[in-house]
């Protein structure tokens, strides 16, 4: 299919393809954007169901549900959605039913904030002072014992099983943005000398292996991975080591200022897109590109340039749930102005 938009053609953007054994109708993903401001018990509200139904109706191929916490003491906010209790499955199932009714695939991003938790328990691979740029406060991360690591690993595995029972097509581990898995991967934070320090991706691998055993061969396992964690060479190594355990890599930010970001001076897109291109050259599984993709033509150009398998359109779809349908019809999709209203996402 060739769609005309902005007087150019969008051929790759609207091709269908497969992740694992799931057919995805186009190459646009709505990434995990934390939008819940409704309940403090982690349970799904009616507004959550309608939010994802409207996004699915807008034509997107894959929804990655916002960071959904595996623990009631590992949340990024008091109103974060949860998947730590069996009682939450019914509400989550209502989200998957609503999305699937619109012909859209959905995975849920499962998450633990670690040292960024708002719950007063600052799990971290090593003792670490975290200076939170959002709250302008500092907290001390507490080094996790091996027993504690195993306990949290099981919380992730249990969450993956609940996601399977709730009807999701898969899960995405949140392994970026300075949250717990990112803390393990970034060697500026993880100073352990045991196996979790010598192999920083082991924490994530153990989770993934456990979820696979509790679900099915068709259940999609993905990870959101920092592009520079703490540098591109490390992220490429992690991508290669994770390849046997995941069905896709979604490339994003690493641990805030504790990474070395780089790209050639003449590269036409942002550094994260450059990293996506290099990671895609190193693995054979699907890789997603993200970060400031502001138009359908830009999305198409990135897919062609990087050979990425999907592009993540976040704020664009938040301001216009019909972004994909409008792009396919050659209509103006709108543009995010980066105003304060959306900064909270």
C-alpha atoms as a PDB file:
ATOM      1  CA  UNK A   1       0.000   0.000   0.000  1.00  0.00           C
ATOM      2  CA  UNK A   2       1.309   3.467  -0.890  1.00  0.00           C
ATOM      3  CA  UNK A   3      -0.288   6.409   0.901  1.00  0.00           C
ATOM      4  CA  UNK A   4       0.223   9.966  -0.242  1.00  0.00           C
ATOM      5  CA  UNK A   5       0.834  12.561   2.461  1.00  0.00           C
ATOM      6  CA  UNK A   6       2.691  15.838   2.490  1.00  0.00           C
ATOM      7  CA  UNK A   7       3.091  15.347  -1.309  1.00  0.00           C
ATOM      8  CA  UNK A   8       5.350  12.325  -0.710  1.00  0.00           C
ATOM      9  CA  UNK A   9       4.669   8.625  -0.380  1.00  0.00           C
ATOM     10  CA  UNK A  10       4.451   6.631   2.829  1.00  0.00           C
ATOM     11  CA  UNK A  11       5.064   3.053   1.821  1.00  0.00           C
ATOM     12  CA  UNK A  12       6.819   1.348   4.727  1.00  0.00           C
ATOM     13  CA  UNK A  13       4.849   3.114   7.475  1.00  0.00           C
ATOM     14  CA  UNK A  14       1.611   1.292   6.658  1.00  0.00           C
ATOM     15  CA  UNK A  15       2.961  -2.161   5.871  1.00  0.00           C
ATOM     16  CA  UNK A  16       1.727  -4.953   8.108  1.00  0.00           C
ATOM     17  CA  UNK A  17       4.303  -7.211   9.730  1.00  0.00           C
ATOM     18  CA  UNK A  18       4.737  -9.748  12.530  1.00  0.00           C
ATOM     19  CA  UNK A  19       6.145  -9.585  16.041  1.00  0.00           C
ATOM     20  CA  UNK A  20       6.600 -13.119  17.319  1.00  0.00           C
ATOM     21  CA  UNK A  21       3.525 -14.719  15.709  1.00  0.00           C
ATOM     22  CA  UNK A  22       1.260 -11.678  16.054  1.00  0.00           C
ATOM     23  CA  UNK A  23       0.283  -9.786  12.919  1.00  0.00           C
ATOM     24  CA  UNK A  24       0.586  -6.013  13.377  1.00  0.00           C
ATOM     25  CA  UNK A  25      -1.406  -4.002  10.850  1.00  0.00           C
ATOM     26  CA  UNK A  26       1.089  -1.152  10.437  1.00  0.00           C
ATOM     27  CA  UNK A  27       4.424   0.078  11.771  1.00  0.00           C
ATOM     28  CA  UNK A  28       3.121   2.703  14.207  1.00  0.00           C
ATOM     29  CA  UNK A  29       3.247   1.970  17.932  1.00  0.00           C
ATOM     30  CA  UNK A  30       1.795   4.103  20.683  1.00  0.00           C
ATOM     31  CA  UNK A  31       4.496   3.919  23.375  1.00  0.00           C
ATOM     32  CA  UNK A  32       3.956   3.704  27.114  1.00  0.00           C
ATOM     33  CA  UNK A  33       2.828   7.166  28.238  1.00  0.00           C
ATOM     34  CA  UNK A  34       1.830   7.430  31.901  1.00  0.00           C
ATOM     35  CA  UNK A  35      -1.570   9.094  31.774  1.00  0.00           C
ATOM     36  CA  UNK A  36      -3.405   7.641  34.795  1.00  0.00           C
ATOM     37  CA  UNK A  37      -4.472  10.178  37.403  1.00  0.00           C
ATOM     38  CA  UNK A  38      -7.567   8.397  38.641  1.00  0.00           C
ATOM     39  CA  UNK A  39      -7.036   5.907  41.496  1.00  0.00           C
ATOM     40  CA  UNK A  40      -4.450   5.219  44.196  1.00  0.00           C
ATOM     41  CA  UNK A  41      -5.067   1.482  44.522  1.00  0.00           C
ATOM     42  CA  UNK A  42      -3.581   0.520  41.135  1.00  0.00           C
ATOM     43  CA  UNK A  43      -6.941  -0.630  39.796  1.00  0.00           C
ATOM     44  CA  UNK A  44      -8.218   0.276  36.328  1.00  0.00           C
ATOM     45  CA  UNK A  45     -10.683   3.152  36.063  1.00  0.00           C
ATOM     46  CA  UNK A  46     -13.323   3.578  33.370  1.00  0.00           C
ATOM     47  CA  UNK A  47     -11.240   6.457  32.010  1.00  0.00           C
ATOM     48  CA  UNK A  48      -8.297   4.095  31.379  1.00  0.00           C
ATOM     49  CA  UNK A  49     -10.440   1.781  29.292  1.00  0.00           C
ATOM     50  CA  UNK A  50     -11.855   4.627  27.202  1.00  0.00           C
ATOM     51  CA  UNK A  51      -8.400   6.194  26.770  1.00  0.00           C
ATOM     52  CA  UNK A  52      -6.946   3.074  25.151  1.00  0.00           C
ATOM     53  CA  UNK A  53     -10.083   2.297  23.161  1.00  0.00           C
ATOM     54  CA  UNK A  54      -9.930   5.730  21.509  1.00  0.00           C
ATOM     55  CA  UNK A  55      -6.240   5.337  20.677  1.00  0.00           C
ATOM     56  CA  UNK A  56      -6.905   1.897  19.168  1.00  0.00           C
ATOM     57  CA  UNK A  57      -9.797   3.309  17.159  1.00  0.00           C
ATOM     58  CA  UNK A  58      -7.388   5.858  15.666  1.00  0.00           C
ATOM     59  CA  UNK A  59      -5.643   3.157  13.620  1.00  0.00           C
ATOM     60  CA  UNK A  60      -2.400   2.495  15.500  1.00  0.00           C
ATOM     61  CA  UNK A  61      -0.921  -0.978  14.965  1.00  0.00           C
ATOM     62  CA  UNK A  62       0.356  -1.619  18.497  1.00  0.00           C
ATOM     63  CA  UNK A  63      -0.380  -0.046  21.883  1.00  0.00           C
ATOM     64  CA  UNK A  64       2.187  -0.359  24.653  1.00  0.00           C
ATOM     65  CA  UNK A  65       0.164   0.293  27.790  1.00  0.00           C
ATOM     66  CA  UNK A  66       1.645   2.803  30.207  1.00  0.00           C
ATOM     67  CA  UNK A  67       4.111   1.670  32.879  1.00  0.00           C
ATOM     68  CA  UNK A  68       2.089  -0.658  35.108  1.00  0.00           C
ATOM     69  CA  UNK A  69       3.732  -1.472  38.403  1.00  0.00           C
ATOM     70  CA  UNK A  70       4.596  -4.981  39.590  1.00  0.00           C
ATOM     71  CA  UNK A  71       4.750  -3.908  43.257  1.00  0.00           C
ATOM     72  CA  UNK A  72       2.731  -1.686  45.547  1.00  0.00           C
ATOM     73  CA  UNK A  73       6.006  -0.312  46.929  1.00  0.00           C
ATOM     74  CA  UNK A  74       7.760   0.316  43.622  1.00  0.00           C
ATOM     75  CA  UNK A  75       5.494   2.921  42.041  1.00  0.00           C
ATOM     76  CA  UNK A  76       6.544   6.003  40.074  1.00  0.00           C
ATOM     77  CA  UNK A  77       3.432   7.857  41.292  1.00  0.00           C
ATOM     78  CA  UNK A  78       0.602   7.263  43.740  1.00  0.00           C
ATOM     79  CA  UNK A  79      -1.892   6.944  40.878  1.00  0.00           C
ATOM     80  CA  UNK A  80       0.106   4.502  38.748  1.00  0.00           C
ATOM     81  CA  UNK A  81      -1.738   1.513  37.306  1.00  0.00           C
ATOM     82  CA  UNK A  82      -0.842  -1.772  38.978  1.00  0.00           C
ATOM     83  CA  UNK A  83      -0.468  -5.420  38.080  1.00  0.00           C
ATOM     84  CA  UNK A  84       0.727  -6.638  41.483  1.00  0.00           C
ATOM     85  CA  UNK A  85      -2.541  -8.249  42.601  1.00  0.00           C
ATOM     86  CA  UNK A  86      -4.852 -10.860  41.058  1.00  0.00           C
ATOM     87  CA  UNK A  87      -7.789  -8.571  41.793  1.00  0.00           C
ATOM     88  CA  UNK A  88      -6.471  -6.127  39.180  1.00  0.00           C
ATOM     89  CA  UNK A  89      -6.775  -8.666  36.338  1.00  0.00           C
ATOM     90  CA  UNK A  90     -10.457  -8.026  35.623  1.00  0.00           C
ATOM     91  CA  UNK A  91      -9.961  -4.311  35.012  1.00  0.00           C
ATOM     92  CA  UNK A  92      -6.898  -4.942  32.861  1.00  0.00           C
ATOM     93  CA  UNK A  93      -8.913  -7.461  30.853  1.00  0.00           C
ATOM     94  CA  UNK A  94     -11.427  -4.716  30.081  1.00  0.00           C
ATOM     95  CA  UNK A  95      -8.598  -2.684  28.523  1.00  0.00           C
ATOM     96  CA  UNK A  96      -7.431  -5.576  26.347  1.00  0.00           C
ATOM     97  CA  UNK A  97     -10.985  -6.374  25.249  1.00  0.00           C
ATOM     98  CA  UNK A  98     -11.590  -2.727  24.289  1.00  0.00           C
ATOM     99  CA  UNK A  99      -8.350  -2.507  22.295  1.00  0.00           C
ATOM    100  CA  UNK A 100      -8.745  -5.866  20.557  1.00  0.00           C
ATOM    101  CA  UNK A 101     -12.285  -4.936  19.522  1.00  0.00           C
ATOM    102  CA  UNK A 102     -10.709  -2.198  17.363  1.00  0.00           C
ATOM    103  CA  UNK A 103      -8.321  -4.618  15.640  1.00  0.00           C
ATOM    104  CA  UNK A 104      -5.256  -3.394  17.533  1.00  0.00           C
ATOM    105  CA  UNK A 105      -2.579  -5.379  19.376  1.00  0.00           C
ATOM    106  CA  UNK A 106      -1.624  -4.424  22.926  1.00  0.00           C
ATOM    107  CA  UNK A 107       1.254  -5.241  25.268  1.00  0.00           C
ATOM    108  CA  UNK A 108       1.592  -3.914  28.791  1.00  0.00           C
ATOM    109  CA  UNK A 109       4.791  -2.311  30.038  1.00  0.00           C
ATOM    110  CA  UNK A 110       5.608  -3.816  33.429  1.00  0.00           C
ATOM    111  CA  UNK A 111       7.639  -1.638  35.719  1.00  0.00           C
ATOM    112  CA  UNK A 112       9.364  -1.112  39.051  1.00  0.00           C
ATOM    113  CA  UNK A 113      10.694   2.340  39.919  1.00  0.00           C
ATOM    114  CA  UNK A 114      13.507   1.184  42.201  1.00  0.00           C
ATOM    115  CA  UNK A 115      15.322   4.190  43.616  1.00  0.00           C
ATOM    116  CA  UNK A 116      12.757   6.448  41.892  1.00  0.00           C
ATOM    117  CA  UNK A 117       9.880   4.952  43.880  1.00  0.00           C
ATOM    118  CA  UNK A 118       7.462   7.301  45.653  1.00  0.00           C
ATOM    119  CA  UNK A 119       6.684   4.624  48.249  1.00  0.00           C
ATOM    120  CA  UNK A 120       9.677   5.128  50.534  1.00  0.00           C
ATOM    121  CA  UNK A 121      11.460   1.863  49.649  1.00  0.00           C
ATOM    122  CA  UNK A 122      14.399   2.747  47.432  1.00  0.00           C
ATOM    123  CA  UNK A 123      15.535  -0.555  45.928  1.00  0.00           C
ATOM    124  CA  UNK A 124      18.726  -0.227  43.903  1.00  0.00           C
ATOM    125  CA  UNK A 125      21.451  -2.609  42.720  1.00  0.00           C
ATOM    126  CA  UNK A 126      24.017  -0.637  44.770  1.00  0.00           C
ATOM    127  CA  UNK A 127      24.026   2.070  47.412  1.00  0.00           C
ATOM    128  CA  UNK A 128      23.432   5.175  45.363  1.00  0.00           C
ATOM    129  CA  UNK A 129      22.443   8.792  45.899  1.00  0.00           C
ATOM    130  CA  UNK A 130      19.739   9.657  43.388  1.00  0.00           C
ATOM    131  CA  UNK A 131      19.192  13.340  42.670  1.00  0.00           C
ATOM    132  CA  UNK A 132      15.674  13.539  41.259  1.00  0.00           C
ATOM    133  CA  UNK A 133      15.524  16.354  38.662  1.00  0.00           C
ATOM    134  CA  UNK A 134      11.713  16.436  38.804  1.00  0.00           C
ATOM    135  CA  UNK A 135      11.329  16.948  42.562  1.00  0.00           C
ATOM    136  CA  UNK A 136      14.788  18.475  43.133  1.00  0.00           C
ATOM    137  CA  UNK A 137      15.273  16.115  46.068  1.00  0.00           C
ATOM    138  CA  UNK A 138      17.815  13.416  46.859  1.00  0.00           C
ATOM    139  CA  UNK A 139      17.230   9.902  48.158  1.00  0.00           C
ATOM    140  CA  UNK A 140      19.606   7.111  49.048  1.00  0.00           C
ATOM    141  CA  UNK A 141      19.125   3.917  47.105  1.00  0.00           C
ATOM    142  CA  UNK A 142      19.623   0.800  49.215  1.00  0.00           C
ATOM    143  CA  UNK A 143      21.672  -2.059  47.790  1.00  0.00           C
ATOM    144  CA  UNK A 144      19.416  -5.046  47.210  1.00  0.00           C
ATOM    145  CA  UNK A 145      20.430  -8.381  48.700  1.00  0.00           C
ATOM    146  CA  UNK A 146      20.358 -11.423  46.399  1.00  0.00           C
ATOM    147  CA  UNK A 147      17.259 -12.545  48.289  1.00  0.00           C
ATOM    148  CA  UNK A 148      15.587  -9.194  47.599  1.00  0.00           C
ATOM    149  CA  UNK A 149      16.546  -9.369  43.909  1.00  0.00           C
ATOM    150  CA  UNK A 150      14.970 -12.826  43.655  1.00  0.00           C
ATOM    151  CA  UNK A 151      11.829 -11.554  45.387  1.00  0.00           C
ATOM    152  CA  UNK A 152      11.417  -8.623  42.965  1.00  0.00           C
ATOM    153  CA  UNK A 153      12.244 -10.912  40.030  1.00  0.00           C
ATOM    154  CA  UNK A 154       9.305 -13.081  41.083  1.00  0.00           C
ATOM    155  CA  UNK A 155       7.079  -9.995  41.323  1.00  0.00           C
ATOM    156  CA  UNK A 156       7.852  -9.267  37.663  1.00  0.00           C
ATOM    157  CA  UNK A 157       7.195 -12.896  36.704  1.00  0.00           C
ATOM    158  CA  UNK A 158       3.873 -12.907  38.563  1.00  0.00           C
ATOM    159  CA  UNK A 159       2.939  -9.675  36.779  1.00  0.00           C
ATOM    160  CA  UNK A 160       3.742 -11.265  33.418  1.00  0.00           C
ATOM    161  CA  UNK A 161       1.476 -14.193  34.249  1.00  0.00           C
ATOM    162  CA  UNK A 162      -1.339 -11.785  35.178  1.00  0.00           C
ATOM    163  CA  UNK A 163      -0.840  -9.940  31.888  1.00  0.00           C
ATOM    164  CA  UNK A 164      -1.228 -13.241  30.037  1.00  0.00           C
ATOM    165  CA  UNK A 165      -4.405 -14.017  31.977  1.00  0.00           C
ATOM    166  CA  UNK A 166      -5.761 -10.536  31.250  1.00  0.00           C
ATOM    167  CA  UNK A 167      -5.486 -11.116  27.507  1.00  0.00           C
ATOM    168  CA  UNK A 168      -2.509  -8.942  26.585  1.00  0.00           C
ATOM    169  CA  UNK A 169      -0.562  -9.962  23.482  1.00  0.00           C
ATOM    170  CA  UNK A 170       2.612  -9.606  25.520  1.00  0.00           C
ATOM    171  CA  UNK A 171       4.620  -7.518  27.959  1.00  0.00           C
ATOM    172  CA  UNK A 172       7.369  -4.940  27.663  1.00  0.00           C
ATOM    173  CA  UNK A 173       9.899  -4.710  30.492  1.00  0.00           C
ATOM    174  CA  UNK A 174      10.628  -1.098  31.380  1.00  0.00           C
ATOM    175  CA  UNK A 175      14.405  -1.197  31.175  1.00  0.00           C
ATOM    176  CA  UNK A 176      15.026   2.522  30.648  1.00  0.00           C
ATOM    177  CA  UNK A 177      14.420   6.020  32.108  1.00  0.00           C
ATOM    178  CA  UNK A 178      16.400   5.403  35.318  1.00  0.00           C
ATOM    179  CA  UNK A 179      13.923   2.860  36.716  1.00  0.00           C
ATOM    180  CA  UNK A 180      15.027  -0.372  38.388  1.00  0.00           C
ATOM    181  CA  UNK A 181      16.126  -2.437  35.372  1.00  0.00           C
ATOM    182  CA  UNK A 182      17.893   0.640  33.971  1.00  0.00           C
ATOM    183  CA  UNK A 183      19.676   0.973  37.318  1.00  0.00           C
ATOM    184  CA  UNK A 184      21.037  -2.557  36.907  1.00  0.00           C
ATOM    185  CA  UNK A 185      22.114  -1.921  33.311  1.00  0.00           C
ATOM    186  CA  UNK A 186      23.896   1.378  33.946  1.00  0.00           C
ATOM    187  CA  UNK A 187      27.342   0.653  35.318  1.00  0.00           C
ATOM    188  CA  UNK A 188      27.560   4.166  36.766  1.00  0.00           C
ATOM    189  CA  UNK A 189      24.822   3.045  39.178  1.00  0.00           C
ATOM    190  CA  UNK A 190      25.374  -0.712  39.406  1.00  0.00           C
ATOM    191  CA  UNK A 191      28.670  -1.227  41.246  1.00  0.00           C
ATOM    192  CA  UNK A 192      28.006  -4.800  42.367  1.00  0.00           C
ATOM    193  CA  UNK A 193      30.816  -7.360  42.217  1.00  0.00           C
ATOM    194  CA  UNK A 194      28.556 -10.424  42.155  1.00  0.00           C
ATOM    195  CA  UNK A 195      26.876 -11.973  39.099  1.00  0.00           C
ATOM    196  CA  UNK A 196      24.375  -9.096  38.872  1.00  0.00           C
ATOM    197  CA  UNK A 197      27.284  -6.700  38.519  1.00  0.00           C
ATOM    198  CA  UNK A 198      29.435  -8.828  36.246  1.00  0.00           C
ATOM    199  CA  UNK A 199      26.422  -9.412  33.977  1.00  0.00           C
ATOM    200  CA  UNK A 200      24.193  -6.343  34.421  1.00  0.00           C
ATOM    201  CA  UNK A 201      21.479  -7.702  32.079  1.00  0.00           C
ATOM    202  CA  UNK A 202      21.055 -10.881  34.176  1.00  0.00           C
ATOM    203  CA  UNK A 203      18.258  -9.347  36.272  1.00  0.00           C
ATOM    204  CA  UNK A 204      16.202  -8.711  33.116  1.00  0.00           C
ATOM    205  CA  UNK A 205      17.058 -12.107  31.590  1.00  0.00           C
ATOM    206  CA  UNK A 206      15.897 -13.969  34.707  1.00  0.00           C
ATOM    207  CA  UNK A 207      12.588 -12.079  34.575  1.00  0.00           C
ATOM    208  CA  UNK A 208      12.088 -12.825  30.894  1.00  0.00           C
ATOM    209  CA  UNK A 209      12.890 -16.516  31.272  1.00  0.00           C
ATOM    210  CA  UNK A 210      10.463 -16.761  34.163  1.00  0.00           C
ATOM    211  CA  UNK A 211       7.645 -15.052  32.278  1.00  0.00           C
ATOM    212  CA  UNK A 212       8.146 -17.292  29.250  1.00  0.00           C
ATOM    213  CA  UNK A 213       7.710 -20.373  31.446  1.00  0.00           C
ATOM    214  CA  UNK A 214       4.476 -18.963  32.902  1.00  0.00           C
ATOM    215  CA  UNK A 215       2.869 -17.889  29.610  1.00  0.00           C
ATOM    216  CA  UNK A 216       3.102 -19.302  26.076  1.00  0.00           C
ATOM    217  CA  UNK A 217       5.405 -19.478  23.092  1.00  0.00           C
ATOM    218  CA  UNK A 218       3.268 -16.902  21.234  1.00  0.00           C
ATOM    219  CA  UNK A 219       3.245 -14.373  24.095  1.00  0.00           C
ATOM    220  CA  UNK A 220       5.343 -11.353  23.059  1.00  0.00           C
ATOM    221  CA  UNK A 221       8.252 -10.385  25.308  1.00  0.00           C
ATOM    222  CA  UNK A 222       9.844  -6.987  24.689  1.00  0.00           C
ATOM    223  CA  UNK A 223      12.039  -4.537  26.549  1.00  0.00           C
ATOM    224  CA  UNK A 224      12.409  -0.779  26.507  1.00  0.00           C
ATOM    225  CA  UNK A 225      16.170  -0.351  26.443  1.00  0.00           C
ATOM    226  CA  UNK A 226      18.286   2.746  26.933  1.00  0.00           C
ATOM    227  CA  UNK A 227      20.138   3.824  23.811  1.00  0.00           C
ATOM    228  CA  UNK A 228      23.214   4.828  25.793  1.00  0.00           C
ATOM    229  CA  UNK A 229      23.388   2.751  28.989  1.00  0.00           C
ATOM    230  CA  UNK A 230      25.838   4.273  29.752  1.00  0.00           C
ATOM    231  CA  UNK A 231      27.178   4.371  26.182  1.00  0.00           C
ATOM    232  CA  UNK A 232      26.199   3.002  22.791  1.00  0.00           C
ATOM    233  CA  UNK A 233      28.712   0.157  22.932  1.00  0.00           C
ATOM    234  CA  UNK A 234      27.194  -1.122  26.179  1.00  0.00           C
ATOM    235  CA  UNK A 235      23.656  -0.890  24.811  1.00  0.00           C
ATOM    236  CA  UNK A 236      24.629  -2.821  21.682  1.00  0.00           C
ATOM    237  CA  UNK A 237      26.144  -5.511  23.918  1.00  0.00           C
ATOM    238  CA  UNK A 238      22.963  -5.676  26.016  1.00  0.00           C
ATOM    239  CA  UNK A 239      20.843  -5.863  22.851  1.00  0.00           C
ATOM    240  CA  UNK A 240      22.856  -8.833  21.603  1.00  0.00           C
ATOM    241  CA  UNK A 241      22.697 -10.610  24.965  1.00  0.00           C
ATOM    242  CA  UNK A 242      18.963 -10.001  25.310  1.00  0.00           C
ATOM    243  CA  UNK A 243      18.149 -11.028  21.737  1.00  0.00           C
ATOM    244  CA  UNK A 244      17.597 -14.689  22.593  1.00  0.00           C
ATOM    245  CA  UNK A 245      15.122 -13.741  25.325  1.00  0.00           C
ATOM    246  CA  UNK A 246      12.977 -11.012  23.750  1.00  0.00           C
ATOM    247  CA  UNK A 247      10.907 -10.562  20.610  1.00  0.00           C
ATOM    248  CA  UNK A 248      11.606  -6.851  20.188  1.00  0.00           C
ATOM    249  CA  UNK A 249      13.725  -3.977  21.486  1.00  0.00           C
ATOM    250  CA  UNK A 250      12.185  -0.533  22.013  1.00  0.00           C
ATOM    251  CA  UNK A 251      15.021   2.017  22.121  1.00  0.00           C
ATOM    252  CA  UNK A 252      14.661   5.031  24.436  1.00  0.00           C
ATOM    253  CA  UNK A 253      16.464   7.095  27.101  1.00  0.00           C
ATOM    254  CA  UNK A 254      18.791   5.552  29.643  1.00  0.00           C
ATOM    255  CA  UNK A 255      19.627   6.756  33.148  1.00  0.00           C
ATOM    256  CA  UNK A 256      19.316  10.528  32.771  1.00  0.00           C
ATOM    257  CA  UNK A 257      22.663  12.345  32.936  1.00  0.00           C
ATOM    258  CA  UNK A 258      24.651   9.175  33.603  1.00  0.00           C
ATOM    259  CA  UNK A 259      25.174   8.266  29.968  1.00  0.00           C
ATOM    260  CA  UNK A 260      27.376   9.333  27.053  1.00  0.00           C
ATOM    261  CA  UNK A 261      25.199  10.320  24.117  1.00  0.00           C
ATOM    262  CA  UNK A 262      26.724  10.711  20.674  1.00  0.00           C
ATOM    263  CA  UNK A 263      25.969  10.766  16.951  1.00  0.00           C
ATOM    264  CA  UNK A 264      27.739  11.972  13.790  1.00  0.00           C
ATOM    265  CA  UNK A 265      27.454  15.725  13.225  1.00  0.00           C
ATOM    266  CA  UNK A 266      25.704  15.229   9.896  1.00  0.00           C
ATOM    267  CA  UNK A 267      23.205  12.628  11.105  1.00  0.00           C
ATOM    268  CA  UNK A 268      19.697  13.890  10.168  1.00  0.00           C
ATOM    269  CA  UNK A 269      17.873  12.667  13.294  1.00  0.00           C
ATOM    270  CA  UNK A 270      18.367  12.681  17.054  1.00  0.00           C
ATOM    271  CA  UNK A 271      20.965  10.576  18.846  1.00  0.00           C
ATOM    272  CA  UNK A 272      18.450   7.956  19.979  1.00  0.00           C
ATOM    273  CA  UNK A 273      17.506   7.320  16.354  1.00  0.00           C
ATOM    274  CA  UNK A 274      21.183   6.909  15.474  1.00  0.00           C
ATOM    275  CA  UNK A 275      21.513   4.377  18.298  1.00  0.00           C
ATOM    276  CA  UNK A 276      18.431   2.563  17.016  1.00  0.00           C
ATOM    277  CA  UNK A 277      20.058   2.238  13.602  1.00  0.00           C
ATOM    278  CA  UNK A 278      23.262   0.827  15.088  1.00  0.00           C
ATOM    279  CA  UNK A 279      21.426  -1.585  17.371  1.00  0.00           C
ATOM    280  CA  UNK A 280      19.265  -2.774  14.471  1.00  0.00           C
ATOM    281  CA  UNK A 281      22.432  -3.592  12.545  1.00  0.00           C
ATOM    282  CA  UNK A 282      23.552  -5.784  15.459  1.00  0.00           C
ATOM    283  CA  UNK A 283      20.441  -7.941  15.973  1.00  0.00           C
ATOM    284  CA  UNK A 284      17.876  -9.808  13.895  1.00  0.00           C
ATOM    285  CA  UNK A 285      14.773  -9.216  16.047  1.00  0.00           C
ATOM    286  CA  UNK A 286      12.437  -6.212  15.561  1.00  0.00           C
ATOM    287  CA  UNK A 287      13.693  -2.851  16.846  1.00  0.00           C
ATOM    288  CA  UNK A 288      11.517   0.214  17.531  1.00  0.00           C
ATOM    289  CA  UNK A 289      12.600   3.829  16.981  1.00  0.00           C
ATOM    290  CA  UNK A 290      11.367   6.653  19.223  1.00  0.00           C
ATOM    291  CA  UNK A 291      12.049  10.247  20.226  1.00  0.00           C
ATOM    292  CA  UNK A 292      10.585  13.423  18.741  1.00  0.00           C
ATOM    293  CA  UNK A 293       9.061  11.846  15.628  1.00  0.00           C
ATOM    294  CA  UNK A 294       6.744  14.664  14.656  1.00  0.00           C
ATOM    295  CA  UNK A 295       5.197  13.815  11.279  1.00  0.00           C
ATOM    296  CA  UNK A 296       4.228  10.836   9.108  1.00  0.00           C
ATOM    297  CA  UNK A 297       6.944  11.661   6.583  1.00  0.00           C
ATOM    298  CA  UNK A 298       9.570  11.863   9.314  1.00  0.00           C
ATOM    299  CA  UNK A 299       8.366   8.482  10.584  1.00  0.00           C
ATOM    300  CA  UNK A 300       8.662   7.013   7.094  1.00  0.00           C
ATOM    301  CA  UNK A 301      12.132   8.489   6.591  1.00  0.00           C
ATOM    302  CA  UNK A 302      13.337   7.031   9.901  1.00  0.00           C
ATOM    303  CA  UNK A 303      11.987   3.580   9.045  1.00  0.00           C
ATOM    304  CA  UNK A 304      13.780   3.675   5.700  1.00  0.00           C
ATOM    305  CA  UNK A 305      17.025   5.170   7.033  1.00  0.00           C
ATOM    306  CA  UNK A 306      17.405   2.960  10.109  1.00  0.00           C
ATOM    307  CA  UNK A 307      15.635  -0.197   8.902  1.00  0.00           C
ATOM    308  CA  UNK A 308      13.709  -0.083  12.206  1.00  0.00           C
ATOM    309  CA  UNK A 309      10.589  -2.214  12.349  1.00  0.00           C
ATOM    310  CA  UNK A 310       8.274   0.253  14.103  1.00  0.00           C
ATOM    311  CA  UNK A 311       8.178   3.906  15.091  1.00  0.00           C
ATOM    312  CA  UNK A 312       6.737   5.119  18.380  1.00  0.00           C
ATOM    313  CA  UNK A 313       4.426   8.132  18.118  1.00  0.00           C
ATOM    314  CA  UNK A 314       3.632   9.301  21.642  1.00  0.00           C
ATOM    315  CA  UNK A 315       2.700  12.939  22.068  1.00  0.00           C
ATOM    316  CA  UNK A 316       1.403  13.155  18.496  1.00  0.00           C
ATOM    317  CA  UNK A 317      -1.189  10.486  19.262  1.00  0.00           C
ATOM    318  CA  UNK A 318      -1.978  11.975  22.662  1.00  0.00           C
ATOM    319  CA  UNK A 319      -3.002  15.250  21.026  1.00  0.00           C
ATOM    320  CA  UNK A 320      -4.683  13.481  18.081  1.00  0.00           C
ATOM    321  CA  UNK A 321      -5.870   9.938  18.771  1.00  0.00           C
ATOM    322  CA  UNK A 322      -6.724   9.681  15.046  1.00  0.00           C
ATOM    323  CA  UNK A 323      -3.096  10.354  13.988  1.00  0.00           C
ATOM    324  CA  UNK A 324      -2.687   7.105  12.014  1.00  0.00           C
ATOM    325  CA  UNK A 325      -6.044   7.301  10.238  1.00  0.00           C
ATOM    326  CA  UNK A 326      -5.388  10.938   9.345  1.00  0.00           C
ATOM    327  CA  UNK A 327      -1.922  10.078   8.019  1.00  0.00           C
ATOM    328  CA  UNK A 328      -3.335   7.278   5.882  1.00  0.00           C
ATOM    329  CA  UNK A 329      -5.961   9.636   4.462  1.00  0.00           C
ATOM    330  CA  UNK A 330      -3.384  12.348   3.708  1.00  0.00           C
ATOM    331  CA  UNK A 331      -4.865  14.713   6.310  1.00  0.00           C
ATOM    332  CA  UNK A 332      -2.919  16.961   8.654  1.00  0.00           C
ATOM    333  CA  UNK A 333      -2.064  14.928  11.757  1.00  0.00           C
ATOM    334  CA  UNK A 334      -1.370  17.978  13.923  1.00  0.00           C
ATOM    335  CA  UNK A 335       1.845  18.660  15.788  1.00  0.00           C
ATOM    336  CA  UNK A 336       2.875  18.578  19.444  1.00  0.00           C
ATOM    337  CA  UNK A 337       3.913  22.040  20.649  1.00  0.00           C
ATOM    338  CA  UNK A 338       5.631  20.674  23.799  1.00  0.00           C
ATOM    339  CA  UNK A 339       3.405  22.777  26.001  1.00  0.00           C
ATOM    340  CA  UNK A 340       3.211  22.231  29.751  1.00  0.00           C
ATOM    341  CA  UNK A 341      -0.058  20.302  29.516  1.00  0.00           C
ATOM    342  CA  UNK A 342       1.713  17.241  28.091  1.00  0.00           C
ATOM    343  CA  UNK A 343       4.989  17.558  29.989  1.00  0.00           C
ATOM    344  CA  UNK A 344       3.578  15.461  32.806  1.00  0.00           C
ATOM    345  CA  UNK A 345       3.515  12.464  30.447  1.00  0.00           C
END
